[in-house]
Amino acid sequence: MGTIETTTMDQFEQIMNVNVRSVYHLTQLAVPHLIQTKGSIINVSSITGKRSFPGVLAYCMSKSALDQFTRCVALELAPKKVRVNAVNPGVIVTDLQKRAGLSEVDYAEFLNKSKVTHALGRPGQVDEVAQAIAFLASDAASFITGVTLPVDGGRHAMCPR
């Protein structure tokens, strides 16, 4: 959580390290095996990679970078029969926001706001994201690569509120 005025460079670097640099490094390490096995990569991004939201500047930037990374690596590895995609969850019921500093009361309000910010009128569940990941990893998605798939109850299509 933070704005251009409140996010320190150390906080910015920490978010970029977790959401971008670590994925870059792990992907580099996995590529030889993925080429050999004709495997698949599914990155976990966020709707904040597709849409801008105030108060989470560094997080939005990191997820946008992850989305671009997904598309670029998809093009680079496609000739080697490795597919690369990402899911972009909206609000999902987890401890993420509480770990980022929201109190129990603020988190409850945050989830309640999903009734108007998500077209389906609710936050998502972890298993809904997991099912999208399983689909993208499966043979049923054998002709899909370079996709950043919103799993967000329609939030990506909503006008800001």
N, C-alpha and C. Protein backbone atom coordinates (compact mmCIF):
# COMPACT_ATOMS: atom_id res chain seq x y z
N MET A 1 0.85 -1.16 0.00
CA MET A 1 0.00 0.00 0.00
C MET A 1 0.90 1.23 0.00
N GLY A 2 0.59 2.20 -0.85
CA GLY A 2 1.36 3.43 -0.85
C GLY A 2 1.21 4.19 -2.16
N THR A 3 1.45 5.47 -2.08
CA THR A 3 1.35 6.37 -3.22
C THR A 3 2.73 6.84 -3.64
N ILE A 4 2.80 7.69 -4.65
CA ILE A 4 4.07 8.27 -5.08
C ILE A 4 4.67 9.11 -3.95
N GLU A 5 3.83 9.62 -3.08
CA GLU A 5 4.31 10.46 -1.97
C GLU A 5 4.71 9.64 -0.75
N THR A 6 4.18 8.43 -0.61
CA THR A 6 4.41 7.69 0.63
C THR A 6 5.24 6.42 0.48
N THR A 7 5.43 5.93 -0.74
CA THR A 7 6.20 4.71 -0.94
C THR A 7 7.68 5.04 -0.98
N THR A 8 8.45 4.43 -0.09
CA THR A 8 9.89 4.66 -0.08
C THR A 8 10.54 3.84 -1.18
N MET A 9 11.75 4.19 -1.54
CA MET A 9 12.47 3.42 -2.55
C MET A 9 12.72 1.99 -2.06
N ASP A 10 12.95 1.82 -0.77
CA ASP A 10 13.14 0.46 -0.22
C ASP A 10 11.86 -0.36 -0.40
N GLN A 11 10.70 0.23 -0.12
CA GLN A 11 9.43 -0.47 -0.32
C GLN A 11 9.21 -0.80 -1.79
N PHE A 12 9.50 0.17 -2.65
CA PHE A 12 9.36 -0.04 -4.09
C PHE A 12 10.24 -1.21 -4.53
N GLU A 13 11.50 -1.20 -4.12
CA GLU A 13 12.44 -2.28 -4.49
C GLU A 13 11.97 -3.63 -3.97
N GLN A 14 11.43 -3.66 -2.76
CA GLN A 14 10.96 -4.92 -2.19
C GLN A 14 9.80 -5.49 -3.02
N ILE A 15 8.87 -4.65 -3.41
CA ILE A 15 7.73 -5.11 -4.22
C ILE A 15 8.21 -5.59 -5.58
N MET A 16 9.11 -4.84 -6.20
CA MET A 16 9.63 -5.25 -7.51
C MET A 16 10.43 -6.55 -7.38
N ASN A 17 11.18 -6.70 -6.30
CA ASN A 17 11.94 -7.94 -6.10
C ASN A 17 11.02 -9.15 -5.99
N VAL A 18 9.95 -9.01 -5.24
CA VAL A 18 9.02 -10.13 -5.04
C VAL A 18 8.22 -10.42 -6.31
N ASN A 19 7.68 -9.39 -6.93
CA ASN A 19 6.73 -9.60 -8.03
C ASN A 19 7.34 -9.67 -9.42
N VAL A 20 8.58 -9.21 -9.59
CA VAL A 20 9.17 -9.20 -10.93
C VAL A 20 10.51 -9.94 -10.95
N ARG A 21 11.45 -9.47 -10.17
CA ARG A 21 12.80 -10.05 -10.24
C ARG A 21 12.82 -11.53 -9.88
N SER A 22 12.07 -11.93 -8.86
CA SER A 22 12.07 -13.34 -8.47
C SER A 22 11.46 -14.21 -9.57
N VAL A 23 10.39 -13.72 -10.22
CA VAL A 23 9.76 -14.47 -11.31
C VAL A 23 10.73 -14.58 -12.49
N TYR A 24 11.41 -13.49 -12.80
CA TYR A 24 12.40 -13.49 -13.88
C TYR A 24 13.46 -14.56 -13.60
N HIS A 25 14.00 -14.54 -12.39
CA HIS A 25 15.07 -15.47 -12.03
C HIS A 25 14.58 -16.93 -12.05
N LEU A 26 13.44 -17.19 -11.44
CA LEU A 26 12.90 -18.56 -11.41
C LEU A 26 12.58 -19.06 -12.82
N THR A 27 12.08 -18.17 -13.66
CA THR A 27 11.78 -18.56 -15.03
C THR A 27 13.06 -18.93 -15.77
N GLN A 28 14.09 -18.11 -15.61
CA GLN A 28 15.37 -18.44 -16.25
C GLN A 28 15.86 -19.82 -15.82
N LEU A 29 15.75 -20.11 -14.54
CA LEU A 29 16.21 -21.41 -14.04
C LEU A 29 15.37 -22.57 -14.58
N ALA A 30 14.09 -22.34 -14.78
CA ALA A 30 13.18 -23.40 -15.21
C ALA A 30 13.17 -23.63 -16.72
N VAL A 31 13.57 -22.65 -17.50
CA VAL A 31 13.45 -22.72 -18.96
C VAL A 31 14.08 -23.98 -19.57
N PRO A 32 15.28 -24.38 -19.21
CA PRO A 32 15.83 -25.60 -19.84
C PRO A 32 14.93 -26.83 -19.65
N HIS A 33 14.40 -27.00 -18.45
CA HIS A 33 13.50 -28.14 -18.20
C HIS A 33 12.19 -27.97 -18.97
N LEU A 34 11.66 -26.75 -19.00
CA LEU A 34 10.40 -26.51 -19.69
C LEU A 34 10.54 -26.76 -21.19
N ILE A 35 11.67 -26.40 -21.76
CA ILE A 35 11.90 -26.67 -23.18
C ILE A 35 11.96 -28.18 -23.41
N GLN A 36 12.66 -28.87 -22.55
CA GLN A 36 12.79 -30.32 -22.69
C GLN A 36 11.44 -31.02 -22.56
N THR A 37 10.60 -30.57 -21.65
CA THR A 37 9.32 -31.23 -21.39
C THR A 37 8.15 -30.59 -22.13
N LYS A 38 8.42 -29.50 -22.88
CA LYS A 38 7.36 -28.73 -23.55
C LYS A 38 6.30 -28.30 -22.52
N GLY A 39 6.81 -27.74 -21.44
CA GLY A 39 5.98 -27.36 -20.31
C GLY A 39 5.23 -26.05 -20.51
N SER A 40 4.70 -25.55 -19.42
CA SER A 40 3.87 -24.36 -19.44
C SER A 40 4.15 -23.54 -18.19
N ILE A 41 4.14 -22.23 -18.35
CA ILE A 41 4.30 -21.30 -17.23
C ILE A 41 2.99 -20.55 -17.07
N ILE A 42 2.52 -20.45 -15.83
CA ILE A 42 1.38 -19.60 -15.53
C ILE A 42 1.79 -18.67 -14.40
N ASN A 43 1.91 -17.39 -14.71
CA ASN A 43 2.25 -16.39 -13.71
C ASN A 43 0.98 -15.91 -13.02
N VAL A 44 1.11 -15.53 -11.76
CA VAL A 44 -0.02 -14.96 -11.02
C VAL A 44 0.21 -13.46 -10.93
N SER A 45 -0.56 -12.74 -11.71
CA SER A 45 -0.48 -11.29 -11.75
C SER A 45 -1.62 -10.72 -10.91
N SER A 46 -2.30 -9.72 -11.41
CA SER A 46 -3.39 -9.06 -10.70
C SER A 46 -4.15 -8.19 -11.68
N ILE A 47 -5.38 -7.89 -11.34
CA ILE A 47 -6.13 -6.93 -12.14
C ILE A 47 -5.42 -5.58 -12.12
N THR A 48 -4.59 -5.34 -11.10
CA THR A 48 -3.84 -4.08 -11.04
C THR A 48 -2.77 -4.01 -12.12
N GLY A 49 -2.48 -5.12 -12.78
CA GLY A 49 -1.59 -5.09 -13.93
C GLY A 49 -2.29 -4.56 -15.17
N LYS A 50 -3.61 -4.67 -15.19
CA LYS A 50 -4.40 -4.23 -16.34
C LYS A 50 -5.07 -2.87 -16.12
N ARG A 51 -5.40 -2.57 -14.87
CA ARG A 51 -6.12 -1.34 -14.52
C ARG A 51 -5.33 -0.58 -13.47
N SER A 52 -5.43 0.72 -13.48
CA SER A 52 -4.76 1.57 -12.49
C SER A 52 -5.66 1.78 -11.28
N PHE A 53 -5.06 1.73 -10.10
CA PHE A 53 -5.77 1.95 -8.85
C PHE A 53 -4.92 2.85 -7.96
N PRO A 54 -5.53 3.84 -7.32
CA PRO A 54 -4.76 4.71 -6.43
C PRO A 54 -4.39 3.98 -5.14
N GLY A 55 -3.27 4.39 -4.57
CA GLY A 55 -2.88 3.86 -3.27
C GLY A 55 -2.06 2.59 -3.31
N VAL A 56 -1.81 2.06 -4.49
CA VAL A 56 -1.01 0.83 -4.63
C VAL A 56 -0.08 0.96 -5.84
N LEU A 57 0.58 2.10 -5.95
CA LEU A 57 1.37 2.43 -7.12
C LEU A 57 2.42 1.38 -7.45
N ALA A 58 3.29 1.05 -6.51
CA ALA A 58 4.38 0.11 -6.79
C ALA A 58 3.82 -1.27 -7.13
N TYR A 59 2.77 -1.67 -6.45
CA TYR A 59 2.14 -2.97 -6.73
C TYR A 59 1.59 -2.99 -8.15
N CYS A 60 0.88 -1.92 -8.55
CA CYS A 60 0.36 -1.84 -9.92
C CYS A 60 1.50 -1.92 -10.93
N MET A 61 2.57 -1.18 -10.68
CA MET A 61 3.70 -1.19 -11.61
C MET A 61 4.31 -2.58 -11.72
N SER A 62 4.44 -3.27 -10.59
CA SER A 62 5.07 -4.59 -10.60
C SER A 62 4.21 -5.60 -11.36
N LYS A 63 2.91 -5.52 -11.19
CA LYS A 63 2.04 -6.48 -11.87
C LYS A 63 1.92 -6.16 -13.36
N SER A 64 1.98 -4.89 -13.72
CA SER A 64 2.01 -4.52 -15.13
C SER A 64 3.29 -5.05 -15.78
N ALA A 65 4.40 -4.93 -15.08
CA ALA A 65 5.67 -5.47 -15.59
C ALA A 65 5.58 -6.99 -15.75
N LEU A 66 4.93 -7.66 -14.81
CA LEU A 66 4.77 -9.11 -14.90
C LEU A 66 3.92 -9.49 -16.11
N ASP A 67 2.90 -8.72 -16.40
CA ASP A 67 2.07 -8.98 -17.58
C ASP A 67 2.89 -8.85 -18.86
N GLN A 68 3.70 -7.82 -18.95
CA GLN A 68 4.54 -7.63 -20.13
C GLN A 68 5.59 -8.74 -20.23
N PHE A 69 6.16 -9.12 -19.10
CA PHE A 69 7.10 -10.23 -19.04
C PHE A 69 6.44 -11.50 -19.60
N THR A 70 5.21 -11.75 -19.18
CA THR A 70 4.47 -12.93 -19.65
C THR A 70 4.35 -12.94 -21.16
N ARG A 71 3.95 -11.80 -21.74
CA ARG A 71 3.77 -11.74 -23.20
C ARG A 71 5.10 -11.89 -23.94
N CYS A 72 6.14 -11.22 -23.44
CA CYS A 72 7.45 -11.30 -24.10
C CYS A 72 8.02 -12.72 -24.05
N VAL A 73 7.97 -13.33 -22.89
CA VAL A 73 8.51 -14.69 -22.75
C VAL A 73 7.67 -15.68 -23.56
N ALA A 74 6.36 -15.43 -23.65
CA ALA A 74 5.51 -16.30 -24.48
C ALA A 74 6.00 -16.29 -25.92
N LEU A 75 6.33 -15.12 -26.44
CA LEU A 75 6.82 -15.03 -27.81
C LEU A 75 8.19 -15.67 -27.97
N GLU A 76 9.04 -15.51 -26.96
CA GLU A 76 10.38 -16.08 -27.03
C GLU A 76 10.37 -17.60 -26.96
N LEU A 77 9.47 -18.16 -26.16
CA LEU A 77 9.48 -19.61 -25.95
C LEU A 77 8.48 -20.37 -26.83
N ALA A 78 7.61 -19.67 -27.52
CA ALA A 78 6.64 -20.34 -28.39
C ALA A 78 7.31 -21.24 -29.44
N PRO A 79 8.39 -20.80 -30.10
CA PRO A 79 9.04 -21.69 -31.07
C PRO A 79 9.59 -22.97 -30.44
N LYS A 80 9.75 -22.94 -29.12
CA LYS A 80 10.27 -24.12 -28.40
C LYS A 80 9.14 -24.92 -27.75
N LYS A 81 7.90 -24.57 -28.13
CA LYS A 81 6.69 -25.28 -27.68
C LYS A 81 6.44 -25.15 -26.18
N VAL A 82 6.87 -24.03 -25.60
CA VAL A 82 6.57 -23.72 -24.20
C VAL A 82 5.55 -22.60 -24.19
N ARG A 83 4.43 -22.82 -23.52
CA ARG A 83 3.38 -21.80 -23.42
C ARG A 83 3.57 -20.99 -22.15
N VAL A 84 3.28 -19.69 -22.22
CA VAL A 84 3.43 -18.79 -21.08
C VAL A 84 2.18 -17.91 -21.00
N ASN A 85 1.50 -17.98 -19.87
CA ASN A 85 0.29 -17.19 -19.65
C ASN A 85 0.28 -16.65 -18.23
N ALA A 86 -0.70 -15.82 -17.93
CA ALA A 86 -0.86 -15.30 -16.57
C ALA A 86 -2.34 -15.20 -16.25
N VAL A 87 -2.65 -15.28 -14.97
CA VAL A 87 -3.99 -14.97 -14.50
C VAL A 87 -3.91 -13.63 -13.77
N ASN A 88 -4.98 -12.86 -13.88
CA ASN A 88 -5.06 -11.53 -13.26
C ASN A 88 -6.27 -11.49 -12.32
N PRO A 89 -6.08 -11.99 -11.10
CA PRO A 89 -7.21 -11.98 -10.16
C PRO A 89 -7.64 -10.58 -9.75
N GLY A 90 -8.92 -10.45 -9.47
CA GLY A 90 -9.44 -9.25 -8.81
C GLY A 90 -9.31 -9.46 -7.32
N VAL A 91 -10.25 -8.94 -6.56
CA VAL A 91 -10.22 -9.15 -5.11
C VAL A 91 -10.56 -10.61 -4.84
N ILE A 92 -9.65 -11.29 -4.17
CA ILE A 92 -9.80 -12.69 -3.80
C ILE A 92 -9.69 -12.75 -2.28
N VAL A 93 -10.53 -13.54 -1.65
CA VAL A 93 -10.51 -13.66 -0.20
C VAL A 93 -9.25 -14.41 0.23
N THR A 94 -8.26 -13.65 0.68
CA THR A 94 -6.98 -14.18 1.21
C THR A 94 -6.53 -13.23 2.32
N ASP A 95 -5.34 -13.46 2.83
CA ASP A 95 -4.77 -12.56 3.83
C ASP A 95 -3.88 -11.48 3.22
N LEU A 96 -3.83 -11.37 1.89
CA LEU A 96 -2.92 -10.44 1.23
C LEU A 96 -3.07 -9.01 1.73
N GLN A 97 -4.29 -8.51 1.74
CA GLN A 97 -4.50 -7.12 2.13
C GLN A 97 -4.23 -6.91 3.62
N LYS A 98 -4.55 -7.89 4.44
CA LYS A 98 -4.24 -7.76 5.87
C LYS A 98 -2.73 -7.76 6.10
N ARG A 99 -2.01 -8.59 5.34
CA ARG A 99 -0.55 -8.59 5.46
C ARG A 99 0.03 -7.26 4.96
N ALA A 100 -0.70 -6.59 4.07
CA ALA A 100 -0.24 -5.29 3.57
C ALA A 100 -0.60 -4.15 4.52
N GLY A 101 -1.32 -4.46 5.60
CA GLY A 101 -1.57 -3.43 6.60
C GLY A 101 -3.02 -3.11 6.90
N LEU A 102 -3.98 -3.71 6.19
CA LEU A 102 -5.38 -3.42 6.49
C LEU A 102 -5.79 -4.09 7.80
N SER A 103 -6.54 -3.37 8.61
CA SER A 103 -7.09 -3.94 9.83
C SER A 103 -8.24 -4.88 9.47
N GLU A 104 -8.71 -5.64 10.43
CA GLU A 104 -9.85 -6.54 10.20
C GLU A 104 -11.07 -5.74 9.73
N VAL A 105 -11.32 -4.60 10.35
CA VAL A 105 -12.47 -3.76 9.98
C VAL A 105 -12.30 -3.22 8.56
N ASP A 106 -11.11 -2.70 8.24
CA ASP A 106 -10.86 -2.18 6.90
C ASP A 106 -10.93 -3.28 5.85
N TYR A 107 -10.45 -4.48 6.20
CA TYR A 107 -10.51 -5.60 5.26
C TYR A 107 -11.96 -6.01 5.00
N ALA A 108 -12.77 -6.04 6.02
CA ALA A 108 -14.19 -6.37 5.85
C ALA A 108 -14.86 -5.34 4.94
N GLU A 109 -14.52 -4.06 5.11
CA GLU A 109 -15.07 -3.01 4.24
C GLU A 109 -14.57 -3.18 2.81
N PHE A 110 -13.30 -3.54 2.66
CA PHE A 110 -12.69 -3.78 1.35
C PHE A 110 -13.43 -4.90 0.62
N LEU A 111 -13.69 -6.00 1.32
CA LEU A 111 -14.43 -7.11 0.70
C LEU A 111 -15.86 -6.70 0.37
N ASN A 112 -16.49 -5.96 1.26
CA ASN A 112 -17.86 -5.51 1.03
C ASN A 112 -17.95 -4.61 -0.20
N LYS A 113 -16.91 -3.80 -0.43
CA LYS A 113 -16.90 -2.90 -1.59
C LYS A 113 -16.91 -3.69 -2.91
N SER A 114 -16.46 -4.95 -2.88
CA SER A 114 -16.47 -5.79 -4.08
C SER A 114 -17.87 -5.97 -4.65
N LYS A 115 -18.87 -5.76 -3.83
CA LYS A 115 -20.25 -5.87 -4.30
C LYS A 115 -20.55 -4.86 -5.40
N VAL A 116 -19.83 -3.72 -5.37
CA VAL A 116 -20.07 -2.70 -6.39
C VAL A 116 -18.91 -2.56 -7.37
N THR A 117 -17.71 -3.03 -7.01
CA THR A 117 -16.57 -2.89 -7.91
C THR A 117 -16.40 -4.08 -8.84
N HIS A 118 -17.05 -5.20 -8.54
CA HIS A 118 -16.96 -6.41 -9.36
C HIS A 118 -18.33 -6.67 -9.98
N ALA A 119 -18.38 -6.87 -11.27
CA ALA A 119 -19.66 -7.06 -11.97
C ALA A 119 -20.48 -8.20 -11.38
N LEU A 120 -19.81 -9.24 -10.91
CA LEU A 120 -20.53 -10.37 -10.32
C LEU A 120 -20.95 -10.11 -8.88
N GLY A 121 -20.60 -8.96 -8.34
CA GLY A 121 -21.12 -8.53 -7.05
C GLY A 121 -20.51 -9.19 -5.83
N ARG A 122 -19.28 -9.70 -5.96
CA ARG A 122 -18.65 -10.36 -4.82
C ARG A 122 -17.16 -10.51 -5.07
N PRO A 123 -16.39 -10.73 -4.01
CA PRO A 123 -14.99 -11.07 -4.21
C PRO A 123 -14.88 -12.52 -4.66
N GLY A 124 -13.73 -12.87 -5.21
CA GLY A 124 -13.51 -14.24 -5.65
C GLY A 124 -12.94 -15.12 -4.56
N GLN A 125 -12.90 -16.41 -4.86
CA GLN A 125 -12.34 -17.40 -3.94
C GLN A 125 -11.06 -17.98 -4.55
N VAL A 126 -10.18 -18.43 -3.70
CA VAL A 126 -8.89 -18.97 -4.14
C VAL A 126 -9.09 -20.10 -5.15
N ASP A 127 -10.07 -20.97 -4.93
CA ASP A 127 -10.26 -22.11 -5.85
C ASP A 127 -10.67 -21.65 -7.24
N GLU A 128 -11.30 -20.49 -7.36
CA GLU A 128 -11.68 -19.99 -8.68
C GLU A 128 -10.44 -19.59 -9.48
N VAL A 129 -9.46 -19.03 -8.81
CA VAL A 129 -8.19 -18.69 -9.47
C VAL A 129 -7.43 -19.98 -9.79
N ALA A 130 -7.41 -20.90 -8.84
CA ALA A 130 -6.71 -22.18 -9.04
C ALA A 130 -7.27 -22.94 -10.25
N GLN A 131 -8.58 -22.91 -10.43
CA GLN A 131 -9.19 -23.61 -11.57
C GLN A 131 -8.77 -22.97 -12.90
N ALA A 132 -8.65 -21.64 -12.92
CA ALA A 132 -8.19 -20.97 -14.14
C ALA A 132 -6.74 -21.34 -14.43
N ILE A 133 -5.92 -21.40 -13.38
CA ILE A 133 -4.52 -21.80 -13.55
C ILE A 133 -4.44 -23.24 -14.06
N ALA A 134 -5.24 -24.13 -13.47
CA ALA A 134 -5.24 -25.53 -13.91
C ALA A 134 -5.66 -25.64 -15.38
N PHE A 135 -6.64 -24.85 -15.79
CA PHE A 135 -7.05 -24.86 -17.19
C PHE A 135 -5.90 -24.42 -18.09
N LEU A 136 -5.27 -23.30 -17.77
CA LEU A 136 -4.18 -22.79 -18.61
C LEU A 136 -3.00 -23.76 -18.67
N ALA A 137 -2.81 -24.54 -17.63
CA ALA A 137 -1.71 -25.52 -17.61
C ALA A 137 -2.08 -26.81 -18.34
N SER A 138 -3.36 -27.01 -18.61
CA SER A 138 -3.83 -28.27 -19.17
C SER A 138 -3.72 -28.34 -20.70
N ASP A 139 -3.88 -29.54 -21.22
CA ASP A 139 -3.90 -29.74 -22.67
C ASP A 139 -5.10 -29.05 -23.32
N ALA A 140 -6.14 -28.76 -22.54
CA ALA A 140 -7.31 -28.07 -23.09
C ALA A 140 -6.95 -26.64 -23.54
N ALA A 141 -5.82 -26.12 -23.03
CA ALA A 141 -5.36 -24.78 -23.40
C ALA A 141 -4.12 -24.85 -24.28
N SER A 142 -3.98 -25.92 -25.03
CA SER A 142 -2.76 -26.15 -25.80
C SER A 142 -2.50 -25.13 -26.90
N PHE A 143 -3.48 -24.33 -27.26
CA PHE A 143 -3.30 -23.31 -28.30
C PHE A 143 -3.40 -21.90 -27.72
N ILE A 144 -3.14 -21.79 -26.42
CA ILE A 144 -3.22 -20.49 -25.74
C ILE A 144 -1.84 -20.16 -25.17
N THR A 145 -1.31 -19.03 -25.60
CA THR A 145 -0.05 -18.52 -25.05
C THR A 145 -0.04 -17.00 -25.14
N GLY A 146 0.64 -16.36 -24.20
CA GLY A 146 0.74 -14.90 -24.18
C GLY A 146 -0.49 -14.21 -23.65
N VAL A 147 -1.35 -14.95 -22.96
CA VAL A 147 -2.60 -14.40 -22.45
C VAL A 147 -2.45 -13.95 -21.00
N THR A 148 -3.05 -12.81 -20.69
CA THR A 148 -3.21 -12.37 -19.30
C THR A 148 -4.71 -12.40 -19.04
N LEU A 149 -5.15 -13.43 -18.34
CA LEU A 149 -6.57 -13.75 -18.19
C LEU A 149 -7.16 -13.15 -16.92
N PRO A 150 -8.09 -12.20 -17.04
CA PRO A 150 -8.74 -11.68 -15.84
C PRO A 150 -9.58 -12.78 -15.18
N VAL A 151 -9.36 -12.97 -13.91
CA VAL A 151 -10.18 -13.87 -13.08
C VAL A 151 -10.65 -12.96 -11.94
N ASP A 152 -11.61 -12.11 -12.30
CA ASP A 152 -11.89 -10.96 -11.44
C ASP A 152 -13.36 -10.60 -11.32
N GLY A 153 -14.22 -11.52 -11.64
CA GLY A 153 -15.64 -11.24 -11.51
C GLY A 153 -16.11 -10.06 -12.34
N GLY A 154 -15.39 -9.75 -13.41
CA GLY A 154 -15.77 -8.66 -14.30
C GLY A 154 -15.22 -7.30 -13.90
N ARG A 155 -14.35 -7.25 -12.88
CA ARG A 155 -13.84 -5.95 -12.45
C ARG A 155 -13.10 -5.22 -13.57
N HIS A 156 -12.38 -5.95 -14.42
CA HIS A 156 -11.64 -5.30 -15.50
C HIS A 156 -12.54 -4.55 -16.46
N ALA A 157 -13.80 -4.93 -16.53
CA ALA A 157 -14.75 -4.31 -17.45
C ALA A 157 -15.55 -3.18 -16.82
N MET A 158 -15.38 -2.99 -15.53
CA MET A 158 -16.17 -1.99 -14.80
C MET A 158 -15.54 -0.61 -14.91
N CYS A 159 -16.38 0.41 -14.90
CA CYS A 159 -15.89 1.78 -14.76
C CYS A 159 -15.49 1.98 -13.30
N PRO A 160 -14.49 2.80 -13.04
CA PRO A 160 -14.06 3.00 -11.65
C PRO A 160 -15.18 3.55 -10.78
N ARG A 161 -15.17 3.12 -9.53
CA ARG A 161 -16.12 3.63 -8.53
C ARG A 161 -15.39 4.05 -7.31
